[in-house]
All heavy atoms as atom14 arrays in JSON, in Angstrom:
{
  "sequence": "KLITKIYHERINDTSKTMVIGKGGSYAGKIPNSVATGIILHDGY",
  "atom14_mask": [
    [1, 1, 1, 1, 1, 1, 1, 1, 1, 0, 0, 0, 0, 0],
    [1, 1, 1, 1, 1, 1, 1, 1, 0, 0, 0, 0, 0, 0],
    [1, 1, 1, 1, 1, 1, 1, 1, 0, 0, 0, 0, 0, 0],
    [1, 1, 1, 1, 1, 1, 1, 0, 0, 0, 0, 0, 0, 0],
    [1, 1, 1, 1, 1, 1, 1, 1, 1, 0, 0, 0, 0, 0],
    [1, 1, 1, 1, 1, 1, 1, 1, 0, 0, 0, 0, 0, 0],
    [1, 1, 1, 1, 1, 1, 1, 1, 1, 1, 1, 1, 0, 0],
    [1, 1, 1, 1, 1, 1, 1, 1, 1, 1, 0, 0, 0, 0],
    [1, 1, 1, 1, 1, 1, 1, 1, 1, 0, 0, 0, 0, 0],
    [1, 1, 1, 1, 1, 1, 1, 1, 1, 1, 1, 0, 0, 0],
    [1, 1, 1, 1, 1, 1, 1, 1, 0, 0, 0, 0, 0, 0],
    [1, 1, 1, 1, 1, 1, 1, 1, 0, 0, 0, 0, 0, 0],
    [1, 1, 1, 1, 1, 1, 1, 1, 0, 0, 0, 0, 0, 0],
    [1, 1, 1, 1, 1, 1, 1, 0, 0, 0, 0, 0, 0, 0],
    [1, 1, 1, 1, 1, 1, 0, 0, 0, 0, 0, 0, 0, 0],
    [1, 1, 1, 1, 1, 1, 1, 1, 1, 0, 0, 0, 0, 0],
    [1, 1, 1, 1, 1, 1, 1, 0, 0, 0, 0, 0, 0, 0],
    [1, 1, 1, 1, 1, 1, 1, 1, 0, 0, 0, 0, 0, 0],
    [1, 1, 1, 1, 1, 1, 1, 0, 0, 0, 0, 0, 0, 0],
    [1, 1, 1, 1, 1, 1, 1, 1, 0, 0, 0, 0, 0, 0],
    [1, 1, 1, 1, 0, 0, 0, 0, 0, 0, 0, 0, 0, 0],
    [1, 1, 1, 1, 1, 1, 1, 1, 1, 0, 0, 0, 0, 0],
    [1, 1, 1, 1, 0, 0, 0, 0, 0, 0, 0, 0, 0, 0],
    [1, 1, 1, 1, 0, 0, 0, 0, 0, 0, 0, 0, 0, 0],
    [1, 1, 1, 1, 1, 1, 0, 0, 0, 0, 0, 0, 0, 0],
    [1, 1, 1, 1, 1, 1, 1, 1, 1, 1, 1, 1, 0, 0],
    [1, 1, 1, 1, 1, 0, 0, 0, 0, 0, 0, 0, 0, 0],
    [1, 1, 1, 1, 0, 0, 0, 0, 0, 0, 0, 0, 0, 0],
    [1, 1, 1, 1, 1, 1, 1, 1, 1, 0, 0, 0, 0, 0],
    [1, 1, 1, 1, 1, 1, 1, 1, 0, 0, 0, 0, 0, 0],
    [1, 1, 1, 1, 1, 1, 1, 0, 0, 0, 0, 0, 0, 0],
    [1, 1, 1, 1, 1, 1, 1, 1, 0, 0, 0, 0, 0, 0],
    [1, 1, 1, 1, 1, 1, 0, 0, 0, 0, 0, 0, 0, 0],
    [1, 1, 1, 1, 1, 1, 1, 0, 0, 0, 0, 0, 0, 0],
    [1, 1, 1, 1, 1, 0, 0, 0, 0, 0, 0, 0, 0, 0],
    [1, 1, 1, 1, 1, 1, 1, 0, 0, 0, 0, 0, 0, 0],
    [1, 1, 1, 1, 0, 0, 0, 0, 0, 0, 0, 0, 0, 0],
    [1, 1, 1, 1, 1, 1, 1, 1, 0, 0, 0, 0, 0, 0],
    [1, 1, 1, 1, 1, 1, 1, 1, 0, 0, 0, 0, 0, 0],
    [1, 1, 1, 1, 1, 1, 1, 1, 0, 0, 0, 0, 0, 0],
    [1, 1, 1, 1, 1, 1, 1, 1, 1, 1, 0, 0, 0, 0],
    [1, 1, 1, 1, 1, 1, 1, 1, 0, 0, 0, 0, 0, 0],
    [1, 1, 1, 1, 0, 0, 0, 0, 0, 0, 0, 0, 0, 0],
    [1, 1, 1, 1, 1, 1, 1, 1, 1, 1, 1, 1, 0, 0]
  ],
  "atom14_positions": [
    [[-2.24, -6.41, 8.83], [-3.57, -6.32, 8.23], [-4.06, -7.68, 7.75], [-5.23, -8.03, 7.94], [-3.56, -5.33, 7.06], [-3.56, -3.86, 7.46], [-3.61, -2.98, 6.22], [-3.68, -1.51, 6.58], [-3.72, -0.65, 5.37], [0.0, 0.0, 0.0], [0.0, 0.0, 0.0], [0.0, 0.0, 0.0], [0.0, 0.0, 0.0], [0.0, 0.0, 0.0]],
    [[-3.16, -8.46, 7.15], [-3.55, -9.75, 6.62], [-3.92, -10.74, 7.73], [-4.97, -11.39, 7.66], [-2.42, -10.33, 5.78], [-2.65, -11.74, 5.22], [-3.92, -11.79, 4.36], [-1.44, -12.22, 4.43], [0.0, 0.0, 0.0], [0.0, 0.0, 0.0], [0.0, 0.0, 0.0], [0.0, 0.0, 0.0], [0.0, 0.0, 0.0], [0.0, 0.0, 0.0]],
    [[-3.09, -10.87, 8.76], [-3.4, -11.84, 9.8], [-4.62, -11.41, 10.62], [-5.37, -12.26, 11.11], [-2.19, -12.11, 10.72], [-1.76, -10.86, 11.47], [-1.03, -12.69, 9.92], [-0.67, -11.13, 12.5], [0.0, 0.0, 0.0], [0.0, 0.0, 0.0], [0.0, 0.0, 0.0], [0.0, 0.0, 0.0], [0.0, 0.0, 0.0], [0.0, 0.0, 0.0]],
    [[-4.83, -10.09, 10.73], [-6.04, -9.61, 11.4], [-7.28, -9.98, 10.59], [-8.31, -10.41, 11.14], [-5.98, -8.08, 11.6], [-4.82, -7.75, 12.38], [-7.22, -7.58, 12.32], [0.0, 0.0, 0.0], [0.0, 0.0, 0.0], [0.0, 0.0, 0.0], [0.0, 0.0, 0.0], [0.0, 0.0, 0.0], [0.0, 0.0, 0.0], [0.0, 0.0, 0.0]],
    [[-7.19, -9.83, 9.27], [-8.3, -10.19, 8.38], [-8.62, -11.68, 8.51], [-9.79, -12.08, 8.59], [-7.93, -9.84, 6.94], [-8.91, -10.33, 5.87], [-8.45, -9.9, 4.49], [-9.25, -10.56, 3.38], [-8.95, -12.0, 3.25], [0.0, 0.0, 0.0], [0.0, 0.0, 0.0], [0.0, 0.0, 0.0], [0.0, 0.0, 0.0], [0.0, 0.0, 0.0]],
    [[-7.59, -12.52, 8.5], [-7.77, -13.97, 8.63], [-8.44, -14.31, 9.96], [-9.35, -15.15, 10.04], [-6.42, -14.69, 8.51], [-5.86, -14.51, 7.09], [-6.56, -16.18, 8.85], [-4.43, -14.97, 6.94], [0.0, 0.0, 0.0], [0.0, 0.0, 0.0], [0.0, 0.0, 0.0], [0.0, 0.0, 0.0], [0.0, 0.0, 0.0], [0.0, 0.0, 0.0]],
    [[-7.99, -13.66, 11.03], [-8.56, -13.89, 12.36], [-10.04, -13.51, 12.4], [-10.88, -14.26, 12.9], [-7.77, -13.08, 13.4], [-8.36, -13.08, 14.78], [-8.32, -14.23, 15.57], [-8.96, -11.94, 15.31], [-8.86, -14.24, 16.85], [-9.5, -11.93, 16.58], [-9.45, -13.08, 17.35], [-10.0, -13.07, 18.61], [0.0, 0.0, 0.0], [0.0, 0.0, 0.0]],
    [[-10.37, -12.34, 11.84], [-11.76, -11.88, 11.84], [-12.66, -12.79, 11.01], [-13.82, -13.04, 11.37], [-11.84, -10.44, 11.34], [-11.38, -9.44, 12.34], [-10.9, -8.18, 11.98], [-11.29, -9.48, 13.69], [-10.58, -7.51, 13.06], [-10.79, -8.27, 14.11], [0.0, 0.0, 0.0], [0.0, 0.0, 0.0], [0.0, 0.0, 0.0], [0.0, 0.0, 0.0]],
    [[-12.13, -13.3, 9.92], [-12.91, -14.23, 9.09], [-13.2, -15.52, 9.86], [-14.29, -16.09, 9.76], [-12.15, -14.55, 7.8], [-12.14, -13.4, 6.81], [-11.3, -13.72, 5.58], [-10.68, -14.82, 5.54], [-11.24, -12.89, 4.65], [0.0, 0.0, 0.0], [0.0, 0.0, 0.0], [0.0, 0.0, 0.0], [0.0, 0.0, 0.0], [0.0, 0.0, 0.0]],
    [[-12.24, -15.99, 10.64], [-12.41, -17.23, 11.39], [-13.45, -17.09, 12.51], [-14.28, -17.98, 12.71], [-11.06, -17.68, 11.98], [-11.14, -18.81, 12.99], [-11.77, -20.06, 12.41], [-11.9, -21.1, 13.39], [-12.85, -21.18, 14.33], [-13.79, -20.23, 14.4], [-12.87, -22.19, 15.18], [0.0, 0.0, 0.0], [0.0, 0.0, 0.0], [0.0, 0.0, 0.0]],
    [[-13.41, -15.98, 13.24], [-14.34, -15.83, 14.36], [-15.64, -15.14, 13.95], [-16.58, -15.03, 14.74], [-13.69, -15.04, 15.52], [-13.37, -13.58, 15.1], [-12.42, -15.75, 16.01], [-12.95, -12.7, 16.26], [0.0, 0.0, 0.0], [0.0, 0.0, 0.0], [0.0, 0.0, 0.0], [0.0, 0.0, 0.0], [0.0, 0.0, 0.0], [0.0, 0.0, 0.0]],
    [[-15.68, -14.64, 12.69], [-16.87, -13.97, 12.16], [-17.29, -12.78, 13.03], [-18.47, -12.57, 13.3], [-18.04, -14.96, 12.04], [-19.14, -14.44, 11.13], [-18.89, -13.66, 10.21], [-20.37, -14.85, 11.39], [0.0, 0.0, 0.0], [0.0, 0.0, 0.0], [0.0, 0.0, 0.0], [0.0, 0.0, 0.0], [0.0, 0.0, 0.0], [0.0, 0.0, 0.0]],
    [[-16.29, -12.01, 13.46], [-16.56, -10.85, 14.31], [-15.39, -9.87, 14.17], [-14.28, -10.14, 14.62], [-16.71, -11.29, 15.77], [-17.11, -10.14, 16.69], [-17.15, -8.97, 16.22], [-17.37, -10.41, 17.87], [0.0, 0.0, 0.0], [0.0, 0.0, 0.0], [0.0, 0.0, 0.0], [0.0, 0.0, 0.0], [0.0, 0.0, 0.0], [0.0, 0.0, 0.0]],
    [[-15.64, -8.74, 13.53], [-14.57, -7.76, 13.3], [-14.36, -6.82, 14.49], [-13.45, -6.0, 14.47], [-14.87, -6.91, 12.05], [-16.13, -6.24, 12.23], [-14.92, -7.77, 10.8], [0.0, 0.0, 0.0], [0.0, 0.0, 0.0], [0.0, 0.0, 0.0], [0.0, 0.0, 0.0], [0.0, 0.0, 0.0], [0.0, 0.0, 0.0], [0.0, 0.0, 0.0]],
    [[-15.2, -6.94, 15.5], [-15.08, -6.03, 16.65], [-14.01, -6.5, 17.64], [-13.52, -5.71, 18.46], [-16.42, -5.91, 17.37], [-16.8, -7.15, 17.97], [0.0, 0.0, 0.0], [0.0, 0.0, 0.0], [0.0, 0.0, 0.0], [0.0, 0.0, 0.0], [0.0, 0.0, 0.0], [0.0, 0.0, 0.0], [0.0, 0.0, 0.0], [0.0, 0.0, 0.0]],
    [[-13.65, -7.79, 17.59], [-12.67, -8.32, 18.53], [-11.25, -8.06, 18.06], [-10.97, -8.08, 16.87], [-12.89, -9.82, 18.74], [-14.17, -10.15, 19.5], [-14.24, -11.64, 19.81], [-15.49, -11.95, 20.62], [-15.58, -13.4, 20.95], [0.0, 0.0, 0.0], [0.0, 0.0, 0.0], [0.0, 0.0, 0.0], [0.0, 0.0, 0.0], [0.0, 0.0, 0.0]],
    [[-10.38, -7.83, 19.02], [-8.98, -7.54, 18.71], [-8.13, -8.79, 18.88], [-8.25, -9.49, 19.89], [-8.43, -6.44, 19.64], [-9.25, -5.28, 19.53], [-7.0, -6.09, 19.27], [0.0, 0.0, 0.0], [0.0, 0.0, 0.0], [0.0, 0.0, 0.0], [0.0, 0.0, 0.0], [0.0, 0.0, 0.0], [0.0, 0.0, 0.0], [0.0, 0.0, 0.0]],
    [[-7.29, -9.07, 17.92], [-6.38, -10.2, 18.02], [-5.21, -9.84, 18.92], [-4.68, -8.73, 18.86], [-5.86, -10.56, 16.62], [-4.94, -11.76, 16.59], [-4.35, -12.07, 14.92], [-3.47, -10.55, 14.59], [0.0, 0.0, 0.0], [0.0, 0.0, 0.0], [0.0, 0.0, 0.0], [0.0, 0.0, 0.0], [0.0, 0.0, 0.0], [0.0, 0.0, 0.0]],
    [[-4.81, -10.77, 19.77], [-3.71, -10.51, 20.7], [-2.37, -10.69, 19.99], [-2.11, -11.72, 19.38], [-3.78, -11.47, 21.91], [-2.56, -11.28, 22.81], [-5.07, -11.24, 22.68], [0.0, 0.0, 0.0], [0.0, 0.0, 0.0], [0.0, 0.0, 0.0], [0.0, 0.0, 0.0], [0.0, 0.0, 0.0], [0.0, 0.0, 0.0], [0.0, 0.0, 0.0]],
    [[-1.54, -9.66, 20.06], [-0.17, -9.72, 19.56], [0.75, -9.76, 20.77], [0.73, -8.85, 21.59], [0.18, -8.51, 18.67], [-0.77, -8.42, 17.48], [1.64, -8.6, 18.21], [-0.63, -9.53, 16.48], [0.0, 0.0, 0.0], [0.0, 0.0, 0.0], [0.0, 0.0, 0.0], [0.0, 0.0, 0.0], [0.0, 0.0, 0.0], [0.0, 0.0, 0.0]],
    [[1.56, -10.8, 20.88], [2.39, -10.96, 22.07], [3.55, -9.98, 22.13], [4.05, -9.53, 21.11], [0.0, 0.0, 0.0], [0.0, 0.0, 0.0], [0.0, 0.0, 0.0], [0.0, 0.0, 0.0], [0.0, 0.0, 0.0], [0.0, 0.0, 0.0], [0.0, 0.0, 0.0], [0.0, 0.0, 0.0], [0.0, 0.0, 0.0], [0.0, 0.0, 0.0]],
    [[3.98, -9.67, 23.36], [5.13, -8.78, 23.55], [6.28, -9.52, 24.23], [7.21, -8.92, 24.73], [4.73, -7.56, 24.35], [4.33, -7.83, 25.79], [3.81, -6.6, 26.48], [4.8, -5.48, 26.53], [4.29, -4.28, 27.17], [0.0, 0.0, 0.0], [0.0, 0.0, 0.0], [0.0, 0.0, 0.0], [0.0, 0.0, 0.0], [0.0, 0.0, 0.0]],
    [[6.21, -10.84, 24.25], [7.26, -11.62, 24.89], [8.52, -11.71, 24.06], [8.58, -11.25, 22.93], [0.0, 0.0, 0.0], [0.0, 0.0, 0.0], [0.0, 0.0, 0.0], [0.0, 0.0, 0.0], [0.0, 0.0, 0.0], [0.0, 0.0, 0.0], [0.0, 0.0, 0.0], [0.0, 0.0, 0.0], [0.0, 0.0, 0.0], [0.0, 0.0, 0.0]],
    [[9.53, -12.34, 24.65], [10.8, -12.48, 23.95], [10.79, -13.65, 23.0], [11.47, -14.64, 23.22], [0.0, 0.0, 0.0], [0.0, 0.0, 0.0], [0.0, 0.0, 0.0], [0.0, 0.0, 0.0], [0.0, 0.0, 0.0], [0.0, 0.0, 0.0], [0.0, 0.0, 0.0], [0.0, 0.0, 0.0], [0.0, 0.0, 0.0], [0.0, 0.0, 0.0]],
    [[10.01, -13.56, 21.96], [9.87, -14.68, 21.02], [10.82, -14.52, 19.84], [11.49, -13.51, 19.68], [8.43, -14.76, 20.51], [8.18, -13.73, 19.59], [0.0, 0.0, 0.0], [0.0, 0.0, 0.0], [0.0, 0.0, 0.0], [0.0, 0.0, 0.0], [0.0, 0.0, 0.0], [0.0, 0.0, 0.0], [0.0, 0.0, 0.0], [0.0, 0.0, 0.0]],
    [[10.82, -15.54, 18.97], [11.64, -15.48, 17.76], [11.14, -14.41, 16.79], [11.85, -14.05, 15.85], [11.63, -16.84, 17.06], [12.36, -17.92, 17.83], [11.67, -18.99, 18.38], [13.73, -17.86, 18.02], [12.33, -19.99, 19.09], [14.41, -18.84, 18.73], [13.7, -19.9, 19.26], [14.36, -20.87, 19.96], [0.0, 0.0, 0.0], [0.0, 0.0, 0.0]],
    [[9.93, -13.92, 16.99], [9.38, -12.91, 16.09], [10.27, -11.68, 16.0], [10.35, -11.03, 14.96], [7.98, -12.5, 16.54], [0.0, 0.0, 0.0], [0.0, 0.0, 0.0], [0.0, 0.0, 0.0], [0.0, 0.0, 0.0], [0.0, 0.0, 0.0], [0.0, 0.0, 0.0], [0.0, 0.0, 0.0], [0.0, 0.0, 0.0], [0.0, 0.0, 0.0]],
    [[10.95, -11.37, 17.1], [11.83, -10.2, 17.1], [13.1, -10.38, 16.3], [13.86, -9.43, 16.1], [0.0, 0.0, 0.0], [0.0, 0.0, 0.0], [0.0, 0.0, 0.0], [0.0, 0.0, 0.0], [0.0, 0.0, 0.0], [0.0, 0.0, 0.0], [0.0, 0.0, 0.0], [0.0, 0.0, 0.0], [0.0, 0.0, 0.0], [0.0, 0.0, 0.0]],
    [[13.36, -11.6, 15.83], [14.59, -11.89, 15.08], [14.33, -12.14, 13.6], [15.27, -12.25, 12.83], [15.28, -13.12, 15.68], [15.58, -13.04, 17.16], [16.58, -11.95, 17.48], [16.91, -11.96, 18.97], [17.87, -10.88, 19.33], [0.0, 0.0, 0.0], [0.0, 0.0, 0.0], [0.0, 0.0, 0.0], [0.0, 0.0, 0.0], [0.0, 0.0, 0.0]],
    [[13.05, -12.27, 13.23], [12.7, -12.62, 11.85], [11.97, -11.45, 11.19], [10.99, -10.95, 11.76], [11.8, -13.88, 11.82], [12.49, -15.04, 12.54], [11.45, -14.26, 10.39], [11.6, -16.24, 12.74], [0.0, 0.0, 0.0], [0.0, 0.0, 0.0], [0.0, 0.0, 0.0], [0.0, 0.0, 0.0], [0.0, 0.0, 0.0], [0.0, 0.0, 0.0]],
    [[12.4, -10.99, 10.02], [11.73, -9.86, 9.36], [10.26, -10.15, 9.08], [9.88, -11.28, 8.74], [12.52, -9.71, 8.05], [13.84, -10.35, 8.32], [13.56, -11.48, 9.27], [0.0, 0.0, 0.0], [0.0, 0.0, 0.0], [0.0, 0.0, 0.0], [0.0, 0.0, 0.0], [0.0, 0.0, 0.0], [0.0, 0.0, 0.0], [0.0, 0.0, 0.0]],
    [[9.42, -9.12, 9.24], [7.99, -9.21, 8.92], [7.26, -10.31, 9.71], [6.38, -10.99, 9.17], [7.77, -9.43, 7.42], [8.21, -8.24, 6.61], [8.0, -7.1, 7.01], [8.84, -8.49, 5.47], [0.0, 0.0, 0.0], [0.0, 0.0, 0.0], [0.0, 0.0, 0.0], [0.0, 0.0, 0.0], [0.0, 0.0, 0.0], [0.0, 0.0, 0.0]],
    [[7.66, -10.52, 10.94], [6.99, -11.54, 11.75], [6.36, -10.91, 12.99], [6.81, -9.86, 13.47], [7.98, -12.63, 12.18], [9.02, -12.07, 12.96], [0.0, 0.0, 0.0], [0.0, 0.0, 0.0], [0.0, 0.0, 0.0], [0.0, 0.0, 0.0], [0.0, 0.0, 0.0], [0.0, 0.0, 0.0], [0.0, 0.0, 0.0], [0.0, 0.0, 0.0]],
    [[5.31, -11.55, 13.49], [4.65, -11.09, 14.71], [4.43, -12.29, 15.62], [4.38, -13.43, 15.17], [3.29, -10.4, 14.42], [3.49, -9.14, 13.62], [2.35, -11.36, 13.69], [0.0, 0.0, 0.0], [0.0, 0.0, 0.0], [0.0, 0.0, 0.0], [0.0, 0.0, 0.0], [0.0, 0.0, 0.0], [0.0, 0.0, 0.0], [0.0, 0.0, 0.0]],
    [[4.3, -12.03, 16.91], [4.06, -13.1, 17.88], [2.57, -13.16, 18.19], [2.03, -12.25, 18.81], [4.87, -12.85, 19.15], [0.0, 0.0, 0.0], [0.0, 0.0, 0.0], [0.0, 0.0, 0.0], [0.0, 0.0, 0.0], [0.0, 0.0, 0.0], [0.0, 0.0, 0.0], [0.0, 0.0, 0.0], [0.0, 0.0, 0.0], [0.0, 0.0, 0.0]],
    [[1.92, -14.22, 17.77], [0.5, -14.41, 18.07], [0.19, -15.9, 18.1], [1.0, -16.72, 17.7], [-0.39, -13.69, 17.03], [-1.74, -13.69, 17.5], [-0.32, -14.37, 15.68], [0.0, 0.0, 0.0], [0.0, 0.0, 0.0], [0.0, 0.0, 0.0], [0.0, 0.0, 0.0], [0.0, 0.0, 0.0], [0.0, 0.0, 0.0], [0.0, 0.0, 0.0]],
    [[-1.0, -16.25, 18.56], [-1.38, -17.67, 18.66], [-1.11, -18.2, 20.06], [-0.79, -17.43, 20.96], [0.0, 0.0, 0.0], [0.0, 0.0, 0.0], [0.0, 0.0, 0.0], [0.0, 0.0, 0.0], [0.0, 0.0, 0.0], [0.0, 0.0, 0.0], [0.0, 0.0, 0.0], [0.0, 0.0, 0.0], [0.0, 0.0, 0.0], [0.0, 0.0, 0.0]],
    [[-1.27, -19.45, 20.3], [-1.62, -20.46, 19.34], [-2.98, -21.07, 19.7], [-3.43, -22.0, 19.06], [-0.51, -21.56, 19.31], [-0.72, -22.61, 18.23], [-0.45, -22.23, 20.67], [-0.48, -22.14, 16.88], [0.0, 0.0, 0.0], [0.0, 0.0, 0.0], [0.0, 0.0, 0.0], [0.0, 0.0, 0.0], [0.0, 0.0, 0.0], [0.0, 0.0, 0.0]],
    [[-3.63, -20.55, 20.73], [-4.92, -21.1, 21.17], [-6.05, -20.17, 20.76], [-5.99, -18.96, 20.99], [-4.95, -21.31, 22.69], [-3.85, -22.27, 23.11], [-6.3, -21.84, 23.14], [-3.69, -22.4, 24.62], [0.0, 0.0, 0.0], [0.0, 0.0, 0.0], [0.0, 0.0, 0.0], [0.0, 0.0, 0.0], [0.0, 0.0, 0.0], [0.0, 0.0, 0.0]],
    [[-7.1, -20.72, 20.17], [-8.31, -19.97, 19.88], [-9.28, -20.22, 21.03], [-9.8, -21.32, 21.2], [-8.92, -20.43, 18.56], [-10.02, -19.55, 17.97], [-9.46, -18.18, 17.6], [-10.63, -20.2, 16.75], [0.0, 0.0, 0.0], [0.0, 0.0, 0.0], [0.0, 0.0, 0.0], [0.0, 0.0, 0.0], [0.0, 0.0, 0.0], [0.0, 0.0, 0.0]],
    [[-9.5, -19.21, 21.84], [-10.24, -19.41, 23.1], [-11.74, -19.66, 22.89], [-12.31, -20.55, 23.51], [-10.01, -18.22, 24.03], [-8.61, -18.14, 24.54], [-8.13, -18.96, 25.54], [-7.57, -17.36, 24.17], [-6.87, -18.68, 25.79], [-6.49, -17.7, 24.98], [0.0, 0.0, 0.0], [0.0, 0.0, 0.0], [0.0, 0.0, 0.0], [0.0, 0.0, 0.0]],
    [[-12.39, -18.85, 22.07], [-13.81, -19.07, 21.76], [-14.66, -19.31, 23.0], [-15.43, -20.28, 23.09], [-13.96, -20.27, 20.81], [-13.79, -19.86, 19.35], [-13.73, -18.65, 19.09], [-13.73, -20.74, 18.48], [0.0, 0.0, 0.0], [0.0, 0.0, 0.0], [0.0, 0.0, 0.0], [0.0, 0.0, 0.0], [0.0, 0.0, 0.0], [0.0, 0.0, 0.0]],
    [[-14.54, -18.46, 24.0], [-15.38, -18.56, 25.18], [-14.96, -19.63, 26.17], [-15.72, -19.96, 27.08], [0.0, 0.0, 0.0], [0.0, 0.0, 0.0], [0.0, 0.0, 0.0], [0.0, 0.0, 0.0], [0.0, 0.0, 0.0], [0.0, 0.0, 0.0], [0.0, 0.0, 0.0], [0.0, 0.0, 0.0], [0.0, 0.0, 0.0], [0.0, 0.0, 0.0]],
    [[-13.77, -20.16, 26.01], [-13.29, -21.22, 26.92], [-13.17, -20.7, 28.35], [-12.7, -19.59, 28.59], [-11.94, -21.73, 26.44], [-11.16, -22.51, 27.47], [-11.57, -23.79, 27.84], [-10.03, -21.98, 28.07], [-10.86, -24.52, 28.79], [-9.31, -22.7, 29.02], [-9.74, -23.97, 29.37], [-9.03, -24.68, 30.31], [0.0, 0.0, 0.0], [0.0, 0.0, 0.0]]
  ]
}
C-alpha cells in the first residue's frame, strides 16, 4: 500500500498500476520486500 501510494503521488495518476516483478530477485529472500523498479517510463 505504501509503495503504491508513493508511485501514484509521483505520476499524479491513481488509475495506473505499478508493476511488481515476478522474477527470481532478492525480494524473495528478504522479509517485507517486493521486486519493482527501476525505470520510470513516463511515455518513453
